[in-house]
Protein backbone atom coordinates (compact mmCIF):
# COMPACT_ATOMS: atom_id res chain seq x y z
CA UNK A 1 -3.93 5.92 16.12
CA UNK A 2 -1.07 7.90 14.60
CA UNK A 3 -0.06 7.24 10.99
CA UNK A 4 3.24 8.45 9.52
CA UNK A 5 4.67 7.91 6.01
CA UNK A 6 8.46 7.58 6.02
CA UNK A 7 10.04 8.23 2.59
CA UNK A 8 12.82 5.84 1.63
CA UNK A 9 14.73 4.70 -1.47
CA UNK A 10 13.67 6.65 -4.57
CA UNK A 11 9.89 6.62 -4.13
CA UNK A 12 8.94 4.09 -1.41
CA UNK A 13 7.04 4.75 1.79
CA UNK A 14 7.40 2.84 5.03
CA UNK A 15 4.26 3.36 7.09
CA UNK A 16 4.52 3.68 10.87
CA UNK A 17 1.28 3.03 12.74
CA UNK A 18 1.32 3.96 16.43
CA UNK A 19 -1.25 3.17 19.10
CA UNK A 20 -0.80 5.64 21.99
CA UNK A 21 -2.91 3.55 24.37
CA UNK A 22 -0.78 0.41 24.15
CA UNK A 23 2.47 2.06 23.08
CA UNK A 24 2.75 -0.37 20.17
CA UNK A 25 4.16 0.70 16.82
CA UNK A 26 3.96 -1.25 13.57
CA UNK A 27 6.29 -0.69 10.60
CA UNK A 28 4.52 -1.63 7.38
CA UNK A 29 6.60 -2.71 4.37
CA UNK A 30 9.99 -1.45 5.59
CA UNK A 31 12.33 -1.38 2.61
CA UNK A 32 15.15 -0.29 4.92
CA UNK A 33 15.54 -0.55 8.67
CA UNK A 34 17.32 2.72 9.43
CA UNK A 35 14.70 5.24 8.25
CA UNK A 36 11.97 3.41 10.18
CA UNK A 37 14.05 3.06 13.33
CA UNK A 38 15.21 6.69 13.17
CA UNK A 39 11.71 8.09 12.73
CA UNK A 40 10.34 5.91 15.51
CA UNK A 41 13.14 6.99 17.84
CA UNK A 42 12.60 10.65 16.96
CA UNK A 43 8.99 10.30 18.05
CA UNK A 44 9.79 8.29 21.17
CA UNK A 45 8.20 5.13 19.76
CA UNK A 46 9.47 1.56 19.77
CA UNK A 47 8.64 -0.68 16.83
CA UNK A 48 6.99 -3.83 18.18
CA UNK A 49 5.71 -5.37 14.93
CA UNK A 50 6.47 -5.45 11.21
CA UNK A 51 3.69 -6.15 8.71
CA UNK A 52 4.57 -7.11 5.12
CA UNK A 53 2.14 -7.04 2.20
CA UNK A 54 4.37 -8.99 -0.23
CA UNK A 55 7.86 -10.35 -0.72
CA UNK A 56 9.57 -7.76 -2.95
CA UNK A 57 12.88 -6.53 -1.54
CA UNK A 58 11.84 -2.87 -1.53
CA UNK A 59 9.11 -3.83 0.97
CA UNK A 60 10.93 -6.31 3.20
CA UNK A 61 14.58 -5.22 3.05
CA UNK A 62 14.41 -3.72 6.54
CA UNK A 63 12.66 -6.64 8.26
CA UNK A 64 15.76 -8.34 9.65
CA UNK A 65 17.36 -5.09 10.80
CA UNK A 66 14.25 -3.94 12.66
CA UNK A 67 13.81 -7.37 14.21
CA UNK A 68 17.45 -7.41 15.37
CA UNK A 69 17.21 -3.90 16.83
CA UNK A 70 13.84 -4.17 18.55
CA UNK A 71 12.74 -7.81 18.77
CA UNK A 72 9.69 -6.92 16.66
CA UNK A 73 7.40 -9.72 15.49
CA UNK A 74 7.37 -9.94 11.68
CA UNK A 75 4.14 -10.95 9.93
CA UNK A 76 3.42 -11.42 6.24
CA UNK A 77 1.97 -13.69 3.57
CA UNK A 78 3.25 -17.11 2.60
CA UNK A 79 5.03 -16.53 -0.70
CA UNK A 80 7.13 -19.56 -1.53
CA UNK A 81 9.49 -19.04 1.41
CA UNK A 82 10.69 -15.70 0.06
CA UNK A 83 10.17 -13.86 3.37
CA UNK A 84 13.00 -15.23 5.49
CA UNK A 85 12.41 -13.13 8.63
CA UNK A 86 8.75 -14.06 9.11
CA UNK A 87 7.52 -15.07 12.55
CA UNK A 88 3.88 -15.41 11.51
CA UNK A 89 2.29 -16.26 8.17
CA UNK A 90 -1.19 -14.88 7.43
CA UNK A 91 -3.72 -15.10 4.63
CA UNK A 92 -7.30 -14.26 3.70
CA UNK A 93 -9.53 -13.99 6.75
CA UNK A 94 -6.76 -13.92 9.35
CA UNK A 95 -6.51 -11.07 11.81
CA UNK A 96 -3.69 -8.94 13.22
CA UNK A 97 -3.71 -6.68 16.26
CA UNK A 98 -2.07 -3.47 17.39
CA UNK A 99 -3.17 -2.83 20.93
CA UNK A 100 -6.92 -3.38 21.01
CA UNK A 101 -7.30 -2.58 17.30
CA UNK A 102 -7.99 -5.54 15.03
CA UNK A 103 -6.88 -5.69 11.41
CA UNK A 104 -8.25 -8.03 8.78
CA UNK A 105 -6.15 -9.66 6.08
CA UNK A 106 -7.46 -9.49 2.50
CA UNK A 107 -5.93 -11.64 -0.26
CA UNK A 108 -5.23 -9.42 -3.29
CA UNK A 109 -2.76 -11.54 -5.25
CA UNK A 110 -1.94 -10.10 -8.69
CA UNK A 111 1.25 -8.02 -8.43
CA UNK A 112 2.65 -11.03 -6.58
CA UNK A 113 0.78 -14.28 -6.14
CA UNK A 114 0.43 -14.07 -2.35
CA UNK A 115 0.03 -10.30 -1.96
CA UNK A 116 -2.22 -9.21 0.90
CA UNK A 117 -3.85 -5.98 2.00
CA UNK A 118 -4.34 -5.17 5.69
CA UNK A 119 -7.49 -3.31 6.74
CA UNK A 120 -8.11 -1.77 10.16
CA UNK A 121 -11.86 -1.06 10.16
CA UNK A 122 -12.04 0.98 13.36
CA UNK A 123 -9.10 3.16 12.33
CA UNK A 124 -10.31 3.50 8.73
CA UNK A 125 -6.94 2.50 7.27
CA UNK A 126 -5.93 0.00 4.57
CA UNK A 127 -2.33 -0.88 3.73
CA UNK A 128 -2.41 -1.94 0.08
CA UNK A 129 1.27 -2.38 -0.77
CA UNK A 130 1.75 -2.53 -4.54
CA UNK A 131 -1.78 -3.68 -5.42
CA UNK A 132 -3.75 -0.43 -5.19
CA UNK A 133 -1.92 2.85 -5.75
CA UNK A 134 -3.32 6.35 -5.91
CA UNK A 135 -4.84 6.38 -9.43
CA UNK A 136 -3.02 3.17 -10.29
CA UNK A 137 -2.37 -0.51 -9.65
CA UNK A 138 0.69 -2.71 -9.55
CA UNK A 139 2.24 -4.44 -12.54
CA UNK A 140 1.13 -8.01 -13.11
CA UNK A 141 4.36 -9.82 -12.27
CA UNK A 142 2.91 -13.05 -10.88
CA UNK A 143 -0.82 -12.71 -11.48
CA UNK A 144 -3.29 -11.95 -14.24
CA UNK A 145 -5.65 -9.15 -15.17
CA UNK A 146 -8.46 -11.30 -13.78
CA UNK A 147 -6.63 -11.50 -10.45
CA UNK A 148 -6.21 -7.72 -10.34
CA UNK A 149 -9.83 -7.15 -11.35
CA UNK A 150 -10.90 -9.35 -8.42
CA UNK A 151 -8.57 -7.49 -6.07
CA UNK A 152 -10.07 -4.16 -7.15
CA UNK A 153 -13.55 -5.45 -6.35
CA UNK A 154 -12.47 -6.38 -2.82
CA UNK A 155 -10.80 -3.04 -2.18
CA UNK A 156 -13.51 -0.86 -3.67
CA UNK A 157 -15.96 -2.53 -1.27
CA UNK A 158 -14.18 -1.00 1.73
CA UNK A 159 -15.84 2.06 3.29
CA UNK A 160 -15.31 5.15 1.11
CA UNK A 161 -13.55 7.10 3.87
CA UNK A 162 -10.90 4.38 4.32
CA UNK A 163 -7.41 5.84 4.01
CA UNK A 164 -5.36 4.00 1.39
CA UNK A 165 -1.71 3.63 2.39
CA UNK A 166 0.22 2.24 -0.56
CA UNK A 167 3.89 1.53 -1.05
CA UNK A 168 5.05 4.16 -3.54
CA UNK A 169 4.79 7.83 -4.41
CA UNK A 170 3.44 7.21 -7.91
CA UNK A 171 0.45 9.56 -7.86
CA UNK A 172 1.67 12.08 -10.42
CA UNK A 173 2.88 9.49 -12.95
CA UNK A 174 -0.30 7.46 -12.46
CA UNK A 175 -2.42 10.58 -12.85
CA UNK A 176 -0.77 11.47 -16.14
CA UNK A 177 -1.78 8.09 -17.53
CA UNK A 178 -5.25 8.28 -15.96
CA UNK A 179 -5.94 11.50 -17.88
CA UNK A 180 -5.22 9.62 -21.11
CA UNK A 181 -7.28 6.59 -20.08
CA UNK A 182 -10.31 8.74 -19.15
CA UNK A 183 -9.93 12.10 -20.91
CA UNK A 184 -13.43 13.26 -19.97
CA UNK A 185 -13.02 12.58 -16.25
CA UNK A 186 -12.75 16.03 -14.66
CA UNK A 187 -12.04 14.55 -11.23
CA UNK A 188 -8.83 12.96 -12.54
CA UNK A 189 -7.57 16.27 -13.94
CA UNK A 190 -8.31 18.04 -10.68
CA UNK A 191 -6.61 15.36 -8.62
CA UNK A 192 -3.54 15.35 -10.85
CA UNK A 193 -3.19 19.12 -10.43
CA UNK A 194 -3.44 18.75 -6.65
CA UNK A 195 -0.83 15.98 -6.65
CA UNK A 196 1.58 18.00 -8.78
CA UNK A 197 1.23 20.95 -6.40
CA UNK A 198 1.92 18.77 -3.36
CA UNK A 199 5.00 17.23 -4.92
CA UNK A 200 6.30 20.65 -5.95
CA UNK A 201 6.24 21.49 -2.23
CA UNK A 202 7.97 18.22 -1.34
CA UNK A 203 4.87 16.88 0.40
CA UNK A 204 3.42 13.34 0.09
CA UNK A 205 0.24 12.81 -1.91
CA UNK A 206 -0.73 9.91 0.36
CA UNK A 207 -2.75 8.51 1.96
CA UNK A 208 -5.52 8.41 -0.62
CA UNK A 209 -9.06 7.24 0.13
CA UNK A 210 -11.26 4.53 -1.32
CA UNK A 211 -13.70 7.26 -2.40
CA UNK A 212 -10.95 9.04 -4.35
CA UNK A 213 -9.93 5.79 -6.04
CA UNK A 214 -13.50 4.98 -7.01
CA UNK A 215 -13.68 8.39 -8.70
CA UNK A 216 -10.23 8.64 -10.31
CA UNK A 217 -8.48 5.27 -10.56
CA UNK A 218 -8.79 3.86 -14.12
CA UNK A 219 -7.98 0.34 -12.92
CA UNK A 220 -10.55 0.29 -10.16
CA UNK A 221 -13.01 1.89 -12.59
CA UNK A 222 -12.36 -0.63 -15.38
CA UNK A 223 -15.67 -2.28 -16.24
CA UNK A 224 -14.28 -5.69 -17.18
CA UNK A 225 -11.20 -7.86 -16.96
CA UNK A 226 -10.52 -7.08 -20.61
CA UNK A 227 -10.64 -3.32 -20.04
CA UNK A 228 -8.32 -3.59 -17.04
CA UNK A 229 -5.89 -5.72 -19.09
CA UNK A 230 -5.90 -3.14 -21.89
CA UNK A 231 -5.28 -0.31 -19.45
CA UNK A 232 -2.51 -2.18 -17.63
CA UNK A 233 -0.74 -2.96 -20.91
CA UNK A 234 -1.09 0.68 -21.99
CA UNK A 235 0.28 1.93 -18.67
CA UNK A 236 3.24 -0.46 -18.88
CA UNK A 237 4.31 1.26 -22.09
CA UNK A 238 3.23 4.80 -21.13
CA UNK A 239 5.92 7.47 -21.20
CA UNK A 240 3.83 10.57 -20.49
């Protein structure tokens, strides 16, 4: 399986997942069609599926364009009819396929009510959209701190080597808050320095891993709903 992050907009990533055996390519959370189509064409791939984690425009804006250009099947969660281009609606416990590889759908509603994550166990990959970021989590637009706390428990239970493919390049800004949230956590300071160095070179800091998030993510590491709520409120107002 080949995994490629495609930068788009100001800080989004579209993820292209390619299975050489079947020739299938999935575009995950395409905010725009053109960057995904261009990168696939450059690599000699054809996008056959689109997977959406949630309804926000910066994750689904390219769905219709990719579908029109390639005939790709578009799959995503049921979120009050907000995903107009969907061919298939999925939720907790459903499965997706790319070639012979099976993916499991995990309900992680908090950032949006119907948000899902998509986990491919045999490839060791999880697409987490705007729920789990590197050293961060999404804002609570449609859910509660309790919802996000529950989502963190589901995601932290994935194998530690699982690659975390999230929707935005937020690692440095998240790390700067994480240092404040856990000032004695040496692993956070080290990871922030690594992320700053990568960004200075114009390189992505992603994918992360579940192991790295267990060690350095103040939201996954929050010991209670109340602590997560306090940290989320503090991050919302953080200007570091």
